[in-house]
Amino acid sequence: MKEADFLKKVGIYARYLTQFLNDSDVPKILETIRDLEKIRQQAEKEKVE
């Protein structure tokens, strides 16, 4: 995974997380955190370029 792709995915999730915090939507926040962890693990496995 290239660094630009990684940062793009993280940026998208950061925007969602901000929106969910405004809505007090805890289950979606937790789901987003799990998704971010999966992205982090994938980037670690693929050695972000």
PDB file of N, CA and C in Angstrom:
ATOM      1  N   MET A   1       0.855  -1.182   0.000  1.00  0.00           N
ATOM      2  CA  MET A   1       0.000   0.000   0.000  1.00  0.00           C
ATOM      3  C   MET A   1       0.894   1.236   0.000  1.00  0.00           C
ATOM      4  N   LYS A   2       0.595   2.154  -0.889  1.00  0.00           N
ATOM      5  CA  LYS A   2       1.385   3.373  -0.961  1.00  0.00           C
ATOM      6  C   LYS A   2       0.945   4.329   0.134  1.00  0.00           C
ATOM      7  N   GLU A   3       1.863   5.178   0.550  1.00  0.00           N
ATOM      8  CA  GLU A   3       1.579   6.119   1.635  1.00  0.00           C
ATOM      9  C   GLU A   3       0.376   7.010   1.295  1.00  0.00           C
ATOM     10  N   ALA A   4       0.293   7.466   0.049  1.00  0.00           N
ATOM     11  CA  ALA A   4      -0.821   8.337  -0.343  1.00  0.00           C
ATOM     12  C   ALA A   4      -2.161   7.620  -0.177  1.00  0.00           C
ATOM     13  N   ASP A   5      -2.230   6.342  -0.556  1.00  0.00           N
ATOM     14  CA  ASP A   5      -3.465   5.567  -0.399  1.00  0.00           C
ATOM     15  C   ASP A   5      -3.817   5.399   1.075  1.00  0.00           C
ATOM     16  N   PHE A   6      -2.791   5.113   1.866  1.00  0.00           N
ATOM     17  CA  PHE A   6      -2.981   4.946   3.306  1.00  0.00           C
ATOM     18  C   PHE A   6      -3.537   6.231   3.915  1.00  0.00           C
ATOM     19  N   LEU A   7      -2.924   7.366   3.586  1.00  0.00           N
ATOM     20  CA  LEU A   7      -3.359   8.642   4.145  1.00  0.00           C
ATOM     21  C   LEU A   7      -4.765   9.004   3.680  1.00  0.00           C
ATOM     22  N   LYS A   8      -5.098   8.644   2.450  1.00  0.00           N
ATOM     23  CA  LYS A   8      -6.439   8.911   1.927  1.00  0.00           C
ATOM     24  C   LYS A   8      -7.476   8.131   2.735  1.00  0.00           C
ATOM     25  N   LYS A   9      -7.207   6.845   2.971  1.00  0.00           N
ATOM     26  CA  LYS A   9      -8.139   6.031   3.753  1.00  0.00           C
ATOM     27  C   LYS A   9      -8.272   6.566   5.171  1.00  0.00           C
ATOM     28  N   VAL A  10      -7.161   6.921   5.773  1.00  0.00           N
ATOM     29  CA  VAL A  10      -7.206   7.446   7.140  1.00  0.00           C
ATOM     30  C   VAL A  10      -7.991   8.757   7.176  1.00  0.00           C
ATOM     31  N   GLY A  11      -7.798   9.607   6.167  1.00  0.00           N
ATOM     32  CA  GLY A  11      -8.521  10.875   6.110  1.00  0.00           C
ATOM     33  C   GLY A  11     -10.025  10.678   6.007  1.00  0.00           C
ATOM     34  N   ILE A  12     -10.429   9.708   5.205  1.00  0.00           N
ATOM     35  CA  ILE A  12     -11.860   9.412   5.058  1.00  0.00           C
ATOM     36  C   ILE A  12     -12.436   8.967   6.396  1.00  0.00           C
ATOM     37  N   TYR A  13     -11.739   8.060   7.067  1.00  0.00           N
ATOM     38  CA  TYR A  13     -12.238   7.585   8.356  1.00  0.00           C
ATOM     39  C   TYR A  13     -12.215   8.690   9.405  1.00  0.00           C
ATOM     40  N   ALA A  14     -11.234   9.576   9.342  1.00  0.00           N
ATOM     41  CA  ALA A  14     -11.181  10.682  10.300  1.00  0.00           C
ATOM     42  C   ALA A  14     -12.402  11.589  10.132  1.00  0.00           C
ATOM     43  N   ARG A  15     -12.787  11.842   8.872  1.00  0.00           N
ATOM     44  CA  ARG A  15     -13.981  12.669   8.631  1.00  0.00           C
ATOM     45  C   ARG A  15     -15.228  11.969   9.160  1.00  0.00           C
ATOM     46  N   TYR A  16     -15.341  10.668   8.914  1.00  0.00           N
ATOM     47  CA  TYR A  16     -16.485   9.917   9.436  1.00  0.00           C
ATOM     48  C   TYR A  16     -16.512   9.960  10.956  1.00  0.00           C
ATOM     49  N   LEU A  17     -15.355   9.769  11.570  1.00  0.00           N
ATOM     50  CA  LEU A  17     -15.276   9.756  13.028  1.00  0.00           C
ATOM     51  C   LEU A  17     -15.729  11.098  13.597  1.00  0.00           C
ATOM     52  N   THR A  18     -15.303  12.184  12.996  1.00  0.00           N
ATOM     53  CA  THR A  18     -15.719  13.518  13.443  1.00  0.00           C
ATOM     54  C   THR A  18     -17.237  13.655  13.333  1.00  0.00           C
ATOM     55  N   GLN A  19     -17.786  13.197  12.222  1.00  0.00           N
ATOM     56  CA  GLN A  19     -19.233  13.270  12.030  1.00  0.00           C
ATOM     57  C   GLN A  19     -19.953  12.441  13.091  1.00  0.00           C
ATOM     58  N   PHE A  20     -19.451  11.253  13.365  1.00  0.00           N
ATOM     59  CA  PHE A  20     -20.110  10.381  14.332  1.00  0.00           C
ATOM     60  C   PHE A  20     -20.020  10.953  15.747  1.00  0.00           C
ATOM     61  N   LEU A  21     -18.894  11.605  16.052  1.00  0.00           N
ATOM     62  CA  LEU A  21     -18.779  12.209  17.377  1.00  0.00           C
ATOM     63  C   LEU A  21     -19.843  13.288  17.555  1.00  0.00           C
ATOM     64  N   ASN A  22     -20.109  14.043  16.500  1.00  0.00           N
ATOM     65  CA  ASN A  22     -21.136  15.065  16.577  1.00  0.00           C
ATOM     66  C   ASN A  22     -22.518  14.440  16.768  1.00  0.00           C
ATOM     67  N   ASP A  23     -22.702  13.251  16.224  1.00  0.00           N
ATOM     68  CA  ASP A  23     -23.985  12.559  16.324  1.00  0.00           C
ATOM     69  C   ASP A  23     -24.061  11.658  17.558  1.00  0.00           C
ATOM     70  N   SER A  24     -22.989  11.577  18.316  1.00  0.00           N
ATOM     71  CA  SER A  24     -22.914  10.673  19.476  1.00  0.00           C
ATOM     72  C   SER A  24     -23.256   9.243  19.081  1.00  0.00           C
ATOM     73  N   ASP A  25     -22.658   8.781  17.994  1.00  0.00           N
ATOM     74  CA  ASP A  25     -22.958   7.466  17.454  1.00  0.00           C
ATOM     75  C   ASP A  25     -21.845   6.483  17.825  1.00  0.00           C
ATOM     76  N   VAL A  26     -21.847   6.043  19.068  1.00  0.00           N
ATOM     77  CA  VAL A  26     -20.767   5.220  19.596  1.00  0.00           C
ATOM     78  C   VAL A  26     -20.543   3.920  18.815  1.00  0.00           C
ATOM     79  N   PRO A  27     -21.576   3.160  18.451  1.00  0.00           N
ATOM     80  CA  PRO A  27     -21.312   1.915  17.713  1.00  0.00           C
ATOM     81  C   PRO A  27     -20.561   2.146  16.403  1.00  0.00           C
ATOM     82  N   LYS A  28     -20.895   3.207  15.691  1.00  0.00           N
ATOM     83  CA  LYS A  28     -20.198   3.478  14.435  1.00  0.00           C
ATOM     84  C   LYS A  28     -18.770   3.934  14.688  1.00  0.00           C
ATOM     85  N   ILE A  29     -18.544   4.651  15.789  1.00  0.00           N
ATOM     86  CA  ILE A  29     -17.175   5.047  16.156  1.00  0.00           C
ATOM     87  C   ILE A  29     -16.336   3.793  16.381  1.00  0.00           C
ATOM     88  N   LEU A  30     -16.875   2.846  17.117  1.00  0.00           N
ATOM     89  CA  LEU A  30     -16.131   1.616  17.400  1.00  0.00           C
ATOM     90  C   LEU A  30     -15.875   0.828  16.120  1.00  0.00           C
ATOM     91  N   GLU A  31     -16.846   0.795  15.218  1.00  0.00           N
ATOM     92  CA  GLU A  31     -16.667   0.114  13.936  1.00  0.00           C
ATOM     93  C   GLU A  31     -15.563   0.799  13.129  1.00  0.00           C
ATOM     94  N   THR A  32     -15.555   2.117  13.138  1.00  0.00           N
ATOM     95  CA  THR A  32     -14.533   2.877  12.417  1.00  0.00           C
ATOM     96  C   THR A  32     -13.151   2.584  12.989  1.00  0.00           C
ATOM     97  N   ILE A  33     -13.042   2.512  14.298  1.00  0.00           N
ATOM     98  CA  ILE A  33     -11.755   2.200  14.929  1.00  0.00           C
ATOM     99  C   ILE A  33     -11.283   0.816  14.508  1.00  0.00           C
ATOM    100  N   ARG A  34     -12.196  -0.151  14.456  1.00  0.00           N
ATOM    101  CA  ARG A  34     -11.822  -1.493  14.004  1.00  0.00           C
ATOM    102  C   ARG A  34     -11.340  -1.460  12.555  1.00  0.00           C
ATOM    103  N   ASP A  35     -12.044  -0.695  11.705  1.00  0.00           N
ATOM    104  CA  ASP A  35     -11.635  -0.575  10.302  1.00  0.00           C
ATOM    105  C   ASP A  35     -10.257   0.063  10.188  1.00  0.00           C
ATOM    106  N   LEU A  36      -9.999   1.097  10.988  1.00  0.00           N
ATOM    107  CA  LEU A  36      -8.683   1.743  10.971  1.00  0.00           C
ATOM    108  C   LEU A  36      -7.588   0.766  11.394  1.00  0.00           C
ATOM    109  N   GLU A  37      -7.882  -0.080  12.354  1.00  0.00           N
ATOM    110  CA  GLU A  37      -6.908  -1.072  12.799  1.00  0.00           C
ATOM    111  C   GLU A  37      -6.608  -2.059  11.672  1.00  0.00           C
ATOM    112  N   LYS A  38      -7.633  -2.456  10.923  1.00  0.00           N
ATOM    113  CA  LYS A  38      -7.417  -3.357   9.786  1.00  0.00           C
ATOM    114  C   LYS A  38      -6.527  -2.688   8.741  1.00  0.00           C
ATOM    115  N   ILE A  39      -6.783  -1.410   8.455  1.00  0.00           N
ATOM    116  CA  ILE A  39      -5.969  -0.668   7.484  1.00  0.00           C
ATOM    117  C   ILE A  39      -4.530  -0.582   7.977  1.00  0.00           C
ATOM    118  N   ARG A  40      -4.363  -0.309   9.268  1.00  0.00           N
ATOM    119  CA  ARG A  40      -3.017  -0.203   9.834  1.00  0.00           C
ATOM    120  C   ARG A  40      -2.277  -1.531   9.705  1.00  0.00           C
ATOM    121  N   GLN A  41      -2.961  -2.620  10.006  1.00  0.00           N
ATOM    122  CA  GLN A  41      -2.337  -3.938   9.908  1.00  0.00           C
ATOM    123  C   GLN A  41      -1.973  -4.255   8.465  1.00  0.00           C
ATOM    124  N   GLN A  42      -2.851  -3.913   7.526  1.00  0.00           N
ATOM    125  CA  GLN A  42      -2.575  -4.163   6.109  1.00  0.00           C
ATOM    126  C   GLN A  42      -1.360  -3.342   5.673  1.00  0.00           C
ATOM    127  N   ALA A  43      -1.315  -2.088   6.072  1.00  0.00           N
ATOM    128  CA  ALA A  43      -0.193  -1.218   5.689  1.00  0.00           C
ATOM    129  C   ALA A  43       1.108  -1.750   6.292  1.00  0.00           C
ATOM    130  N   GLU A  44       1.027  -2.219   7.525  1.00  0.00           N
ATOM    131  CA  GLU A  44       2.212  -2.777   8.177  1.00  0.00           C
ATOM    132  C   GLU A  44       2.691  -4.034   7.440  1.00  0.00           C
ATOM    133  N   LYS A  45       1.746  -4.881   7.054  1.00  0.00           N
ATOM    134  CA  LYS A  45       2.061  -6.114   6.360  1.00  0.00           C
ATOM    135  C   LYS A  45       2.669  -5.833   4.975  1.00  0.00           C
ATOM    136  N   GLU A  46       2.109  -4.814   4.298  1.00  0.00           N
ATOM    137  CA  GLU A  46       2.555  -4.493   2.944  1.00  0.00           C
ATOM    138  C   GLU A  46       3.711  -3.497   2.940  1.00  0.00           C
ATOM    139  N   LYS A  47       4.117  -3.052   4.107  1.00  0.00           N
ATOM    140  CA  LYS A  47       5.198  -2.079   4.233  1.00  0.00           C
ATOM    141  C   LYS A  47       4.871  -0.830   3.409  1.00  0.00           C
ATOM    142  N   VAL A  48       4.169   0.091   4.012  1.00  0.00           N
ATOM    143  CA  VAL A  48       3.759   1.330   3.349  1.00  0.00           C
ATOM    144  C   VAL A  48       4.970   1.967   2.693  1.00  0.00           C
ATOM    145  N   GLU A  49       4.808   2.321   1.405  1.00  0.00           N
ATOM    146  CA  GLU A  49       5.925   2.878   0.624  1.00  0.00           C
ATOM    147  C   GLU A  49       6.032   4.377   0.823  1.00  0.00           C
TER     148      GLU A  49
END
